[in-house]
């Protein structure tokens, strides 16, 4: 639990600058439709769609939060003076897709305006603790998923690893004994 903040310089470039650049690309694409800018209309349409989607995710949906705050009762994602807060008891679906240095989090199936977040744990203060909390909470909310069952199996294996290895070693010795007995 705590507050996790995306490194200011990285956030400024990776999120804010890219969002502003996409605004410029949208304006250039719109200008191309009115023959104010030399760009084929097909390319302008593709650029408009891709850049518009990025602008939406950056400034409207807050898909790339600057700050994640977790307390006993809620989780909040914040950027640009706006916060999406979710009461933990009201969350019925919570999925985390794991990528190196980042997590894609969907809350209550996500939507166009809120509930879908790219959390850049690799560039956040104490990002490892945030990754651990996100994973643990996902298992609490969704205990019957294959991912949760695999985690449970891995924990059971780790807890009983020495016993399992002893049984496997005993079985190997018994097989060797049986095969040497058959040879005689």
Protein backbone atom coordinates (compact mmCIF):
# COMPACT_ATOMS: atom_id res chain seq x y z
CA UNK A 1 0.00 0.00 0.00
CA UNK A 2 1.18 3.48 -0.67
CA UNK A 3 1.70 5.97 -3.46
CA UNK A 4 3.72 5.07 -6.54
CA UNK A 5 4.84 7.89 -8.82
CA UNK A 6 6.07 7.65 -12.42
CA UNK A 7 9.47 9.33 -12.91
CA UNK A 8 8.67 12.95 -13.91
CA UNK A 9 11.12 13.20 -16.83
CA UNK A 10 10.07 9.89 -18.35
CA UNK A 11 6.39 10.67 -17.90
CA UNK A 12 6.92 14.09 -19.48
CA UNK A 13 8.46 12.57 -22.58
CA UNK A 14 6.83 9.14 -22.88
CA UNK A 15 3.30 10.29 -22.15
CA UNK A 16 2.83 14.06 -22.26
CA UNK A 17 5.17 14.87 -25.17
CA UNK A 18 3.86 11.94 -27.23
CA UNK A 19 0.28 13.08 -26.51
CA UNK A 20 1.07 16.63 -27.66
CA UNK A 21 2.87 15.29 -30.72
CA UNK A 22 -0.25 13.25 -31.56
CA UNK A 23 -2.38 16.41 -31.29
CA UNK A 24 -0.09 18.03 -33.88
CA UNK A 25 -0.41 14.93 -36.08
CA UNK A 26 -4.21 15.09 -35.83
CA UNK A 27 -4.21 18.76 -36.79
CA UNK A 28 -1.92 18.04 -39.75
CA UNK A 29 -4.19 15.16 -40.83
CA UNK A 30 -7.29 17.37 -40.63
CA UNK A 31 -5.45 20.06 -42.61
CA UNK A 32 -4.63 17.44 -45.27
CA UNK A 33 -8.35 16.74 -45.71
CA UNK A 34 -8.85 20.43 -46.53
CA UNK A 35 -5.81 20.47 -48.85
CA UNK A 36 -3.96 22.77 -46.45
CA UNK A 37 -1.21 20.19 -45.98
CA UNK A 38 0.36 17.91 -48.58
CA UNK A 39 -0.46 14.41 -47.40
CA UNK A 40 -2.47 11.71 -49.19
CA UNK A 41 -5.95 11.47 -47.67
CA UNK A 42 -5.63 7.73 -47.00
CA UNK A 43 -2.48 8.23 -44.99
CA UNK A 44 -4.03 11.24 -43.27
CA UNK A 45 -7.01 9.10 -42.24
CA UNK A 46 -4.78 6.40 -40.74
CA UNK A 47 -2.67 8.98 -38.90
CA UNK A 48 -5.83 10.68 -37.63
CA UNK A 49 -7.22 7.42 -36.25
CA UNK A 50 -3.97 6.28 -34.60
CA UNK A 51 -3.07 9.70 -33.19
CA UNK A 52 -6.66 10.29 -32.07
CA UNK A 53 -6.66 6.99 -30.20
CA UNK A 54 -3.40 7.95 -28.46
CA UNK A 55 -4.79 11.36 -27.50
CA UNK A 56 -7.91 9.70 -26.11
CA UNK A 57 -5.88 7.25 -24.03
CA UNK A 58 -3.47 9.92 -22.79
CA UNK A 59 -5.71 12.84 -21.90
CA UNK A 60 -9.24 11.46 -21.59
CA UNK A 61 -9.07 7.82 -20.46
CA UNK A 62 -5.89 8.33 -18.34
CA UNK A 63 -4.62 5.02 -19.66
CA UNK A 64 -1.07 6.04 -18.65
CA UNK A 65 -1.32 7.26 -15.05
CA UNK A 66 1.38 9.41 -13.46
CA UNK A 67 0.51 8.17 -9.98
CA UNK A 68 -1.07 5.08 -8.43
CA UNK A 69 -2.33 5.34 -4.85
CA UNK A 70 -3.46 2.34 -2.84
CA UNK A 71 -4.95 2.44 0.64
CA UNK A 72 -7.00 0.02 2.74
CA UNK A 73 -10.21 0.84 0.87
CA UNK A 74 -9.34 1.93 -2.67
CA UNK A 75 -6.95 2.13 -5.60
CA UNK A 76 -6.61 5.37 -7.55
CA UNK A 77 -4.96 6.23 -10.87
CA UNK A 78 -4.08 9.89 -11.43
CA UNK A 79 -2.72 12.19 -14.14
CA UNK A 80 -3.30 15.73 -15.38
CA UNK A 81 -5.31 16.77 -12.32
CA UNK A 82 -7.82 13.94 -12.62
CA UNK A 83 -8.18 10.78 -10.56
CA UNK A 84 -10.01 7.53 -11.26
CA UNK A 85 -10.72 5.91 -7.87
CA UNK A 86 -12.07 2.40 -7.36
CA UNK A 87 -13.34 1.09 -4.03
CA UNK A 88 -11.67 -2.30 -3.54
CA UNK A 89 -14.87 -3.96 -2.32
CA UNK A 90 -16.69 -2.85 -5.50
CA UNK A 91 -14.15 -4.41 -7.86
CA UNK A 92 -15.57 -7.63 -9.33
CA UNK A 93 -13.03 -8.10 -12.14
CA UNK A 94 -9.34 -7.24 -11.95
CA UNK A 95 -6.90 -8.52 -14.56
CA UNK A 96 -3.20 -7.83 -14.85
CA UNK A 97 -1.20 -8.54 -18.00
CA UNK A 98 2.48 -8.66 -17.18
CA UNK A 99 5.12 -7.16 -19.45
CA UNK A 100 8.74 -6.30 -18.65
CA UNK A 101 8.68 -3.10 -16.59
CA UNK A 102 4.96 -2.48 -16.98
CA UNK A 103 1.54 -3.93 -16.27
CA UNK A 104 -1.71 -3.59 -18.18
CA UNK A 105 -4.49 -3.42 -15.59
CA UNK A 106 -8.21 -3.74 -16.37
CA UNK A 107 -10.73 -3.05 -13.66
CA UNK A 108 -14.35 -4.21 -13.95
CA UNK A 109 -13.78 -5.03 -17.64
CA UNK A 110 -12.51 -1.49 -18.36
CA UNK A 111 -14.18 0.99 -20.65
CA UNK A 112 -13.53 3.91 -22.95
CA UNK A 113 -13.32 6.45 -20.14
CA UNK A 114 -11.83 4.50 -17.24
CA UNK A 115 -10.71 1.10 -16.07
CA UNK A 116 -7.79 0.44 -18.50
CA UNK A 117 -4.31 1.40 -17.34
CA UNK A 118 -0.74 0.91 -18.50
CA UNK A 119 1.17 1.09 -15.22
CA UNK A 120 4.87 1.70 -15.89
CA UNK A 121 6.20 -0.11 -12.81
CA UNK A 122 9.76 -0.06 -14.12
CA UNK A 123 9.83 3.74 -13.89
CA UNK A 124 7.86 4.19 -10.67
CA UNK A 125 9.10 4.64 -7.14
CA UNK A 126 9.06 1.19 -5.48
CA UNK A 127 7.64 -0.40 -8.64
CA UNK A 128 8.39 -3.95 -7.46
CA UNK A 129 6.09 -3.50 -4.47
CA UNK A 130 3.36 -2.20 -6.77
CA UNK A 131 3.79 -5.20 -9.08
CA UNK A 132 3.48 -7.54 -6.10
CA UNK A 133 0.33 -5.79 -4.83
CA UNK A 134 -1.32 -5.85 -8.28
CA UNK A 135 -0.61 -9.57 -8.66
CA UNK A 136 -1.82 -10.42 -5.18
CA UNK A 137 -5.01 -8.41 -5.58
CA UNK A 138 -5.68 -10.06 -8.95
CA UNK A 139 -5.48 -13.47 -7.27
CA UNK A 140 -7.84 -12.34 -4.52
CA UNK A 141 -10.44 -11.05 -6.98
CA UNK A 142 -10.06 -13.88 -9.51
CA UNK A 143 -9.05 -16.99 -7.51
CA UNK A 144 -10.41 -19.48 -10.06
CA UNK A 145 -8.43 -18.38 -13.12
CA UNK A 146 -5.79 -20.59 -14.67
CA UNK A 147 -3.20 -17.99 -13.73
CA UNK A 148 -4.23 -18.12 -10.06
CA UNK A 149 -4.29 -21.93 -10.06
CA UNK A 150 -0.80 -22.03 -11.60
CA UNK A 151 0.45 -19.64 -8.92
CA UNK A 152 -1.12 -21.81 -6.22
CA UNK A 153 0.51 -24.93 -7.70
CA UNK A 154 3.89 -23.19 -7.83
CA UNK A 155 3.55 -22.11 -4.20
CA UNK A 156 2.64 -25.67 -3.18
CA UNK A 157 5.62 -27.03 -5.10
CA UNK A 158 7.96 -24.50 -3.50
CA UNK A 159 6.60 -25.33 -0.04
CA UNK A 160 7.09 -29.08 -0.58
CA UNK A 161 10.07 -29.03 -2.93
CA UNK A 162 12.39 -30.95 -0.61
CA UNK A 163 9.77 -33.67 0.04
CA UNK A 164 9.06 -34.01 -3.69
CA UNK A 165 12.77 -34.31 -4.49
CA UNK A 166 13.20 -36.96 -1.79
CA UNK A 167 10.30 -38.99 -3.22
CA UNK A 168 11.67 -38.71 -6.76
CA UNK A 169 15.13 -39.78 -5.58
CA UNK A 170 13.63 -42.74 -3.68
CA UNK A 171 11.70 -43.77 -6.81
CA UNK A 172 14.90 -43.63 -8.88
CA UNK A 173 16.73 -45.83 -6.37
CA UNK A 174 13.84 -48.31 -6.38
CA UNK A 175 13.86 -48.48 -10.20
CA UNK A 176 17.63 -49.04 -10.21
CA UNK A 177 17.25 -51.79 -7.63
CA UNK A 178 14.47 -53.49 -9.63
CA UNK A 179 16.40 -53.28 -12.91
CA UNK A 180 19.59 -54.69 -11.34
CA UNK A 181 17.51 -57.51 -9.78
CA UNK A 182 16.00 -58.38 -13.20
CA UNK A 183 19.45 -58.53 -14.79
CA UNK A 184 20.61 -61.15 -12.32
